[in-house]
């Protein structure tokens, strides 16, 4: 997952090749929600990963490697149900 701060955290999910975007995109209101999304996505938040995430948040952009369950991955492959809607 890559993320960038633009009046909230805009998150984009990528295939394993790190080039092919998945259709689902998410915009989060605050940093805590970004951390929660990373944790729910199976991101290993050991000390090094937390420091790396903190640095990315400080500079306003970055990425984390998620270990998704098959069900989570399938949801990301689907378009948002309503056109133009990005879940909070």
PDB file of N, CA and C in Angstrom:
ATOM      1  N   UNK A   1       0.850  -1.162   0.000  1.00  0.00           N
ATOM      2  CA  UNK A   1       0.000   0.000   0.000  1.00  0.00           C
ATOM      3  C   UNK A   1       0.899   1.229   0.000  1.00  0.00           C
ATOM      4  N   UNK A   2       0.616   2.143  -0.898  1.00  0.00           N
ATOM      5  CA  UNK A   2       1.317   3.421  -0.872  1.00  0.00           C
ATOM      6  C   UNK A   2       0.341   4.459  -0.350  1.00  0.00           C
ATOM      7  N   UNK A   3       0.869   5.506   0.251  1.00  0.00           N
ATOM      8  CA  UNK A   3       0.005   6.540   0.807  1.00  0.00           C
ATOM      9  C   UNK A   3       0.670   7.899   0.679  1.00  0.00           C
ATOM     10  N   UNK A   4      -0.192   8.935   0.601  1.00  0.00           N
ATOM     11  CA  UNK A   4       0.281  10.304   0.457  1.00  0.00           C
ATOM     12  C   UNK A   4      -0.729  11.213   1.160  1.00  0.00           C
ATOM     13  N   UNK A   5      -0.213  12.240   1.802  1.00  0.00           N
ATOM     14  CA  UNK A   5      -1.100  13.175   2.483  1.00  0.00           C
ATOM     15  C   UNK A   5      -1.531  14.256   1.512  1.00  0.00           C
ATOM     16  N   UNK A   6      -2.856  14.345   1.270  1.00  0.00           N
ATOM     17  CA  UNK A   6      -3.465  15.386   0.439  1.00  0.00           C
ATOM     18  C   UNK A   6      -4.807  15.720   1.068  1.00  0.00           C
ATOM     19  N   UNK A   7      -4.787  16.594   2.064  1.00  0.00           N
ATOM     20  CA  UNK A   7      -6.008  16.932   2.793  1.00  0.00           C
ATOM     21  C   UNK A   7      -6.654  15.658   3.351  1.00  0.00           C
ATOM     22  N   UNK A   8      -5.843  14.792   3.926  1.00  0.00           N
ATOM     23  CA  UNK A   8      -6.204  13.461   4.406  1.00  0.00           C
ATOM     24  C   UNK A   8      -5.238  12.480   3.779  1.00  0.00           C
ATOM     25  N   UNK A   9      -5.261  11.260   4.244  1.00  0.00           N
ATOM     26  CA  UNK A   9      -4.337  10.241   3.731  1.00  0.00           C
ATOM     27  C   UNK A   9      -4.985   9.493   2.572  1.00  0.00           C
ATOM     28  N   UNK A  10      -4.440   9.671   1.383  1.00  0.00           N
ATOM     29  CA  UNK A  10      -4.897   8.979   0.188  1.00  0.00           C
ATOM     30  C   UNK A  10      -4.080   7.693   0.068  1.00  0.00           C
ATOM     31  N   UNK A  11      -4.752   6.545   0.112  1.00  0.00           N
ATOM     32  CA  UNK A  11      -4.068   5.244   0.074  1.00  0.00           C
ATOM     33  C   UNK A  11      -4.406   4.518  -1.212  1.00  0.00           C
ATOM     34  N   UNK A  12      -3.382   3.974  -1.832  1.00  0.00           N
ATOM     35  CA  UNK A  12      -3.550   3.198  -3.053  1.00  0.00           C
ATOM     36  C   UNK A  12      -2.904   1.837  -2.831  1.00  0.00           C
ATOM     37  N   UNK A  13      -3.562   0.813  -3.304  1.00  0.00           N
ATOM     38  CA  UNK A  13      -3.075  -0.552  -3.123  1.00  0.00           C
ATOM     39  C   UNK A  13      -2.492  -1.051  -4.431  1.00  0.00           C
ATOM     40  N   UNK A  14      -1.372  -1.733  -4.337  1.00  0.00           N
ATOM     41  CA  UNK A  14      -0.657  -2.207  -5.516  1.00  0.00           C
ATOM     42  C   UNK A  14      -0.514  -3.724  -5.481  1.00  0.00           C
ATOM     43  N   UNK A  15      -0.407  -4.313  -6.672  1.00  0.00           N
ATOM     44  CA  UNK A  15      -0.107  -5.741  -6.775  1.00  0.00           C
ATOM     45  C   UNK A  15       1.329  -5.977  -6.290  1.00  0.00           C
ATOM     46  N   UNK A  16       1.708  -7.239  -6.198  1.00  0.00           N
ATOM     47  CA  UNK A  16       3.046  -7.580  -5.702  1.00  0.00           C
ATOM     48  C   UNK A  16       4.170  -6.982  -6.552  1.00  0.00           C
ATOM     49  N   UNK A  17       3.888  -6.691  -7.826  1.00  0.00           N
ATOM     50  CA  UNK A  17       4.915  -6.109  -8.691  1.00  0.00           C
ATOM     51  C   UNK A  17       5.200  -4.649  -8.344  1.00  0.00           C
ATOM     52  N   UNK A  18       4.393  -4.065  -7.439  1.00  0.00           N
ATOM     53  CA  UNK A  18       4.520  -2.679  -6.985  1.00  0.00           C
ATOM     54  C   UNK A  18       4.330  -1.656  -8.110  1.00  0.00           C
ATOM     55  N   UNK A  19       3.711  -2.080  -9.205  1.00  0.00           N
ATOM     56  CA  UNK A  19       3.445  -1.184 -10.324  1.00  0.00           C
ATOM     57  C   UNK A  19       1.963  -1.163 -10.706  1.00  0.00           C
ATOM     58  N   UNK A  20       1.313  -2.301 -10.546  1.00  0.00           N
ATOM     59  CA  UNK A  20      -0.067  -2.436 -10.980  1.00  0.00           C
ATOM     60  C   UNK A  20      -1.018  -2.045  -9.854  1.00  0.00           C
ATOM     61  N   UNK A  21      -1.773  -0.948 -10.029  1.00  0.00           N
ATOM     62  CA  UNK A  21      -2.692  -0.532  -8.960  1.00  0.00           C
ATOM     63  C   UNK A  21      -3.950  -1.393  -8.932  1.00  0.00           C
ATOM     64  N   UNK A  22      -4.441  -1.645  -7.749  1.00  0.00           N
ATOM     65  CA  UNK A  22      -5.738  -2.288  -7.579  1.00  0.00           C
ATOM     66  C   UNK A  22      -6.806  -1.206  -7.670  1.00  0.00           C
ATOM     67  N   UNK A  23      -8.032  -1.542  -8.057  1.00  0.00           N
ATOM     68  CA  UNK A  23      -9.049  -0.512  -8.272  1.00  0.00           C
ATOM     69  C   UNK A  23      -9.486   0.231  -7.013  1.00  0.00           C
ATOM     70  N   UNK A  24      -9.449  -0.404  -5.867  1.00  0.00           N
ATOM     71  CA  UNK A  24      -9.953   0.218  -4.637  1.00  0.00           C
ATOM     72  C   UNK A  24      -8.935   1.214  -4.102  1.00  0.00           C
ATOM     73  N   UNK A  25      -9.421   2.395  -3.774  1.00  0.00           N
ATOM     74  CA  UNK A  25      -8.595   3.438  -3.157  1.00  0.00           C
ATOM     75  C   UNK A  25      -9.308   3.899  -1.897  1.00  0.00           C
ATOM     76  N   UNK A  26      -8.548   4.389  -0.929  1.00  0.00           N
ATOM     77  CA  UNK A  26      -9.118   4.794   0.352  1.00  0.00           C
ATOM     78  C   UNK A  26      -8.554   6.150   0.740  1.00  0.00           C
ATOM     79  N   UNK A  27      -9.407   7.014   1.272  1.00  0.00           N
ATOM     80  CA  UNK A  27      -8.943   8.279   1.837  1.00  0.00           C
ATOM     81  C   UNK A  27      -9.302   8.285   3.315  1.00  0.00           C
ATOM     82  N   UNK A  28      -8.304   8.479   4.154  1.00  0.00           N
ATOM     83  CA  UNK A  28      -8.477   8.448   5.601  1.00  0.00           C
ATOM     84  C   UNK A  28      -8.305   9.844   6.164  1.00  0.00           C
ATOM     85  N   UNK A  29      -9.056  10.131   7.204  1.00  0.00           N
ATOM     86  CA  UNK A  29      -9.029  11.473   7.787  1.00  0.00           C
ATOM     87  C   UNK A  29      -7.801  11.745   8.638  1.00  0.00           C
ATOM     88  N   UNK A  30      -7.316  10.744   9.365  1.00  0.00           N
ATOM     89  CA  UNK A  30      -6.222  11.038  10.292  1.00  0.00           C
ATOM     90  C   UNK A  30      -5.175   9.925  10.317  1.00  0.00           C
ATOM     91  N   UNK A  31      -4.071  10.250  10.939  1.00  0.00           N
ATOM     92  CA  UNK A  31      -2.922   9.355  10.995  1.00  0.00           C
ATOM     93  C   UNK A  31      -3.229   8.070  11.743  1.00  0.00           C
ATOM     94  N   UNK A  32      -4.025   8.151  12.795  1.00  0.00           N
ATOM     95  CA  UNK A  32      -4.352   6.943  13.564  1.00  0.00           C
ATOM     96  C   UNK A  32      -5.075   5.921  12.692  1.00  0.00           C
ATOM     97  N   UNK A  33      -5.958   6.391  11.840  1.00  0.00           N
ATOM     98  CA  UNK A  33      -6.661   5.471  10.938  1.00  0.00           C
ATOM     99  C   UNK A  33      -5.686   4.824   9.949  1.00  0.00           C
ATOM    100  N   UNK A  34      -4.679   5.559   9.523  1.00  0.00           N
ATOM    101  CA  UNK A  34      -3.659   5.002   8.633  1.00  0.00           C
ATOM    102  C   UNK A  34      -2.909   3.884   9.340  1.00  0.00           C
ATOM    103  N   UNK A  35      -2.528   4.115  10.582  1.00  0.00           N
ATOM    104  CA  UNK A  35      -1.835   3.085  11.369  1.00  0.00           C
ATOM    105  C   UNK A  35      -2.725   1.852  11.557  1.00  0.00           C
ATOM    106  N   UNK A  36      -4.011   2.077  11.838  1.00  0.00           N
ATOM    107  CA  UNK A  36      -4.946   0.963  12.021  1.00  0.00           C
ATOM    108  C   UNK A  36      -5.105   0.153  10.738  1.00  0.00           C
ATOM    109  N   UNK A  37      -5.177   0.844   9.599  1.00  0.00           N
ATOM    110  CA  UNK A  37      -5.299   0.152   8.319  1.00  0.00           C
ATOM    111  C   UNK A  37      -4.074  -0.725   8.067  1.00  0.00           C
ATOM    112  N   UNK A  38      -2.897  -0.195   8.345  1.00  0.00           N
ATOM    113  CA  UNK A  38      -1.670  -0.978   8.176  1.00  0.00           C
ATOM    114  C   UNK A  38      -1.687  -2.210   9.078  1.00  0.00           C
ATOM    115  N   UNK A  39      -2.100  -2.042  10.319  1.00  0.00           N
ATOM    116  CA  UNK A  39      -2.142  -3.169  11.254  1.00  0.00           C
ATOM    117  C   UNK A  39      -3.177  -4.208  10.815  1.00  0.00           C
ATOM    118  N   UNK A  40      -4.358  -3.756  10.404  1.00  0.00           N
ATOM    119  CA  UNK A  40      -5.398  -4.703   9.947  1.00  0.00           C
ATOM    120  C   UNK A  40      -4.970  -5.429   8.681  1.00  0.00           C
ATOM    121  N   UNK A  41      -4.131  -4.772   7.884  1.00  0.00           N
ATOM    122  CA  UNK A  41      -3.652  -5.381   6.644  1.00  0.00           C
ATOM    123  C   UNK A  41      -2.491  -6.327   6.848  1.00  0.00           C
ATOM    124  N   UNK A  42      -2.122  -6.573   8.090  1.00  0.00           N
ATOM    125  CA  UNK A  42      -1.072  -7.542   8.366  1.00  0.00           C
ATOM    126  C   UNK A  42       0.336  -6.988   8.284  1.00  0.00           C
ATOM    127  N   UNK A  43       0.476  -5.676   8.286  1.00  0.00           N
ATOM    128  CA  UNK A  43       1.808  -5.069   8.273  1.00  0.00           C
ATOM    129  C   UNK A  43       2.516  -5.422   9.575  1.00  0.00           C
ATOM    130  N   UNK A  44       3.720  -5.955   9.470  1.00  0.00           N
ATOM    131  CA  UNK A  44       4.504  -6.308  10.654  1.00  0.00           C
ATOM    132  C   UNK A  44       5.016  -5.019  11.279  1.00  0.00           C
ATOM    133  N   UNK A  45       4.426  -4.617  12.399  1.00  0.00           N
ATOM    134  CA  UNK A  45       4.796  -3.343  13.015  1.00  0.00           C
ATOM    135  C   UNK A  45       5.809  -3.545  14.141  1.00  0.00           C
ATOM    136  N   UNK A  46       6.933  -4.176  13.794  1.00  0.00           N
ATOM    137  CA  UNK A  46       8.034  -4.261  14.747  1.00  0.00           C
ATOM    138  C   UNK A  46       8.665  -2.871  14.866  1.00  0.00           C
ATOM    139  N   UNK A  47       9.657  -2.731  15.691  1.00  0.00           N
ATOM    140  CA  UNK A  47      10.249  -1.419  15.953  1.00  0.00           C
ATOM    141  C   UNK A  47      10.727  -0.742  14.658  1.00  0.00           C
ATOM    142  N   UNK A  48      11.440  -1.479  13.838  1.00  0.00           N
ATOM    143  CA  UNK A  48      11.961  -0.904  12.596  1.00  0.00           C
ATOM    144  C   UNK A  48      10.821  -0.447  11.674  1.00  0.00           C
ATOM    145  N   UNK A  49       9.793  -1.264  11.533  1.00  0.00           N
ATOM    146  CA  UNK A  49       8.662  -0.917  10.670  1.00  0.00           C
ATOM    147  C   UNK A  49       7.895   0.285  11.223  1.00  0.00           C
ATOM    148  N   UNK A  50       7.728   0.354  12.545  1.00  0.00           N
ATOM    149  CA  UNK A  50       7.039   1.512  13.146  1.00  0.00           C
ATOM    150  C   UNK A  50       7.829   2.795  12.903  1.00  0.00           C
ATOM    151  N   UNK A  51       9.153   2.715  13.046  1.00  0.00           N
ATOM    152  CA  UNK A  51       9.987   3.896  12.802  1.00  0.00           C
ATOM    153  C   UNK A  51       9.917   4.317  11.341  1.00  0.00           C
ATOM    154  N   UNK A  52       9.898   3.351  10.451  1.00  0.00           N
ATOM    155  CA  UNK A  52       9.794   3.642   9.026  1.00  0.00           C
ATOM    156  C   UNK A  52       8.437   4.274   8.709  1.00  0.00           C
ATOM    157  N   UNK A  53       7.375   3.745   9.299  1.00  0.00           N
ATOM    158  CA  UNK A  53       6.041   4.308   9.103  1.00  0.00           C
ATOM    159  C   UNK A  53       5.972   5.719   9.671  1.00  0.00           C
ATOM    160  N   UNK A  54       6.539   5.933  10.857  1.00  0.00           N
ATOM    161  CA  UNK A  54       6.568   7.269  11.461  1.00  0.00           C
ATOM    162  C   UNK A  54       7.278   8.269  10.550  1.00  0.00           C
ATOM    163  N   UNK A  55       8.398   7.854   9.972  1.00  0.00           N
ATOM    164  CA  UNK A  55       9.145   8.735   9.069  1.00  0.00           C
ATOM    165  C   UNK A  55       8.305   9.067   7.833  1.00  0.00           C
ATOM    166  N   UNK A  56       7.664   8.056   7.255  1.00  0.00           N
ATOM    167  CA  UNK A  56       6.830   8.283   6.070  1.00  0.00           C
ATOM    168  C   UNK A  56       5.685   9.246   6.391  1.00  0.00           C
ATOM    169  N   UNK A  57       5.092   9.095   7.564  1.00  0.00           N
ATOM    170  CA  UNK A  57       4.018   9.991   7.979  1.00  0.00           C
ATOM    171  C   UNK A  57       4.553  11.413   8.133  1.00  0.00           C
ATOM    172  N   UNK A  58       5.729  11.548   8.727  1.00  0.00           N
ATOM    173  CA  UNK A  58       6.331  12.871   8.920  1.00  0.00           C
ATOM    174  C   UNK A  58       6.574  13.603   7.603  1.00  0.00           C
ATOM    175  N   UNK A  59       6.997  12.871   6.567  1.00  0.00           N
ATOM    176  CA  UNK A  59       7.280  13.517   5.287  1.00  0.00           C
ATOM    177  C   UNK A  59       6.059  13.560   4.370  1.00  0.00           C
ATOM    178  N   UNK A  60       4.967  12.892   4.786  1.00  0.00           N
ATOM    179  CA  UNK A  60       3.720  12.985   4.045  1.00  0.00           C
ATOM    180  C   UNK A  60       3.523  11.986   2.923  1.00  0.00           C
ATOM    181  N   UNK A  61       4.396  10.987   2.837  1.00  0.00           N
ATOM    182  CA  UNK A  61       4.225   9.958   1.806  1.00  0.00           C
ATOM    183  C   UNK A  61       5.070   8.741   2.158  1.00  0.00           C
ATOM    184  N   UNK A  62       4.639   7.599   1.662  1.00  0.00           N
ATOM    185  CA  UNK A  62       5.394   6.387   1.920  1.00  0.00           C
ATOM    186  C   UNK A  62       4.600   5.163   1.516  1.00  0.00           C
ATOM    187  N   UNK A  63       5.007   4.036   2.061  1.00  0.00           N
ATOM    188  CA  UNK A  63       4.334   2.790   1.738  1.00  0.00           C
ATOM    189  C   UNK A  63       4.641   1.728   2.764  1.00  0.00           C
ATOM    190  N   UNK A  64       3.777   0.742   2.832  1.00  0.00           N
ATOM    191  CA  UNK A  64       3.974  -0.405   3.704  1.00  0.00           C
ATOM    192  C   UNK A  64       3.599  -1.659   2.928  1.00  0.00           C
ATOM    193  N   UNK A  65       4.214  -2.760   3.303  1.00  0.00           N
ATOM    194  CA  UNK A  65       3.928  -4.045   2.697  1.00  0.00           C
ATOM    195  C   UNK A  65       2.856  -4.721   3.539  1.00  0.00           C
ATOM    196  N   UNK A  66       1.726  -5.058   2.926  1.00  0.00           N
ATOM    197  CA  UNK A  66       0.635  -5.703   3.641  1.00  0.00           C
ATOM    198  C   UNK A  66       0.620  -7.196   3.351  1.00  0.00           C
ATOM    199  N   UNK A  67       0.252  -7.982   4.340  1.00  0.00           N
ATOM    200  CA  UNK A  67       0.079  -9.430   4.191  1.00  0.00           C
ATOM    201  C   UNK A  67      -1.419  -9.696   4.328  1.00  0.00           C
ATOM    202  N   UNK A  68      -2.125  -9.656   3.212  1.00  0.00           N
ATOM    203  CA  UNK A  68      -3.583  -9.735   3.228  1.00  0.00           C
ATOM    204  C   UNK A  68      -4.081 -11.169   3.164  1.00  0.00           C
ATOM    205  N   UNK A  69      -5.195 -11.407   3.842  1.00  0.00           N
ATOM    206  CA  UNK A  69      -5.912 -12.669   3.683  1.00  0.00           C
ATOM    207  C   UNK A  69      -6.563 -12.644   2.302  1.00  0.00           C
ATOM    208  N   UNK A  70      -6.906 -13.805   1.767  1.00  0.00           N
ATOM    209  CA  UNK A  70      -7.522 -13.866   0.441  1.00  0.00           C
ATOM    210  C   UNK A  70      -8.779 -13.007   0.358  1.00  0.00           C
ATOM    211  N   UNK A  71      -9.587 -13.018   1.406  1.00  0.00           N
ATOM    212  CA  UNK A  71     -10.817 -12.228   1.418  1.00  0.00           C
ATOM    213  C   UNK A  71     -10.516 -10.728   1.339  1.00  0.00           C
ATOM    214  N   UNK A  72      -9.513 -10.266   2.074  1.00  0.00           N
ATOM    215  CA  UNK A  72      -9.126  -8.854   2.036  1.00  0.00           C
ATOM    216  C   UNK A  72      -8.648  -8.465   0.642  1.00  0.00           C
ATOM    217  N   UNK A  73      -7.820  -9.324   0.041  1.00  0.00           N
ATOM    218  CA  UNK A  73      -7.285  -9.061  -1.293  1.00  0.00           C
ATOM    219  C   UNK A  73      -8.413  -8.978  -2.327  1.00  0.00           C
ATOM    220  N   UNK A  74      -9.363  -9.886  -2.249  1.00  0.00           N
ATOM    221  CA  UNK A  74     -10.479  -9.888  -3.196  1.00  0.00           C
ATOM    222  C   UNK A  74     -11.303  -8.611  -3.079  1.00  0.00           C
ATOM    223  N   UNK A  75     -11.488  -8.097  -1.863  1.00  0.00           N
ATOM    224  CA  UNK A  75     -12.228  -6.847  -1.676  1.00  0.00           C
ATOM    225  C   UNK A  75     -11.500  -5.679  -2.340  1.00  0.00           C
ATOM    226  N   UNK A  76     -10.178  -5.680  -2.276  1.00  0.00           N
ATOM    227  CA  UNK A  76      -9.405  -4.599  -2.900  1.00  0.00           C
ATOM    228  C   UNK A  76      -9.459  -4.664  -4.423  1.00  0.00           C
ATOM    229  N   UNK A  77      -9.685  -5.841  -4.961  1.00  0.00           N
ATOM    230  CA  UNK A  77      -9.746  -5.999  -6.411  1.00  0.00           C
ATOM    231  C   UNK A  77     -11.075  -5.525  -6.988  1.00  0.00           C
ATOM    232  N   UNK A  78     -12.069  -5.296  -6.126  1.00  0.00           N
ATOM    233  CA  UNK A  78     -13.373  -4.831  -6.588  1.00  0.00           C
ATOM    234  C   UNK A  78     -13.407  -3.316  -6.615  1.00  0.00           C
ATOM    235  N   UNK A  79     -14.109  -2.767  -7.575  1.00  0.00           N
ATOM    236  CA  UNK A  79     -14.313  -1.321  -7.621  1.00  0.00           C
ATOM    237  C   UNK A  79     -15.164  -0.909  -6.433  1.00  0.00           C
ATOM    238  N   UNK A  80     -15.054   0.348  -5.996  1.00  0.00           N
ATOM    239  CA  UNK A  80     -15.951   0.865  -4.972  1.00  0.00           C
ATOM    240  C   UNK A  80     -17.371   0.737  -5.468  1.00  0.00           C
ATOM    241  N   UNK A  81     -18.298   0.465  -4.556  1.00  0.00           N
ATOM    242  CA  UNK A  81     -19.692   0.235  -4.929  1.00  0.00           C
ATOM    243  C   UNK A  81     -20.331   1.463  -5.559  1.00  0.00           C
ATOM    244  N   UNK A  82     -20.015   2.650  -5.058  1.00  0.00           N
ATOM    245  CA  UNK A  82     -20.582   3.879  -5.622  1.00  0.00           C
ATOM    246  C   UNK A  82     -19.483   4.627  -6.353  1.00  0.00           C
ATOM    247  N   UNK A  83     -19.737   5.011  -7.570  1.00  0.00           N
ATOM    248  CA  UNK A  83     -18.730   5.725  -8.362  1.00  0.00           C
ATOM    249  C   UNK A  83     -18.316   7.005  -7.656  1.00  0.00           C
ATOM    250  N   UNK A  84     -17.035   7.233  -7.592  1.00  0.00           N
ATOM    251  CA  UNK A  84     -16.513   8.454  -6.986  1.00  0.00           C
ATOM    252  C   UNK A  84     -16.450   8.428  -5.474  1.00  0.00           C
ATOM    253  N   UNK A  85     -16.927   7.363  -4.863  1.00  0.00           N
ATOM    254  CA  UNK A  85     -16.940   7.294  -3.393  1.00  0.00           C
ATOM    255  C   UNK A  85     -15.639   6.672  -2.916  1.00  0.00           C
ATOM    256  N   UNK A  86     -15.018   7.343  -1.980  1.00  0.00           N
ATOM    257  CA  UNK A  86     -13.824   6.810  -1.337  1.00  0.00           C
ATOM    258  C   UNK A  86     -14.146   6.679   0.129  1.00  0.00           C
ATOM    259  N   UNK A  87     -14.123   5.437   0.673  1.00  0.00           N
ATOM    260  CA  UNK A  87     -14.493   5.257   2.081  1.00  0.00           C
ATOM    261  C   UNK A  87     -13.571   5.999   3.029  1.00  0.00           C
ATOM    262  N   UNK A  88     -14.107   6.464   4.148  1.00  0.00           N
ATOM    263  CA  UNK A  88     -13.315   7.118   5.186  1.00  0.00           C
ATOM    264  C   UNK A  88     -12.789   6.050   6.042  1.00  0.00           C
TER     265      UNK A  88
END
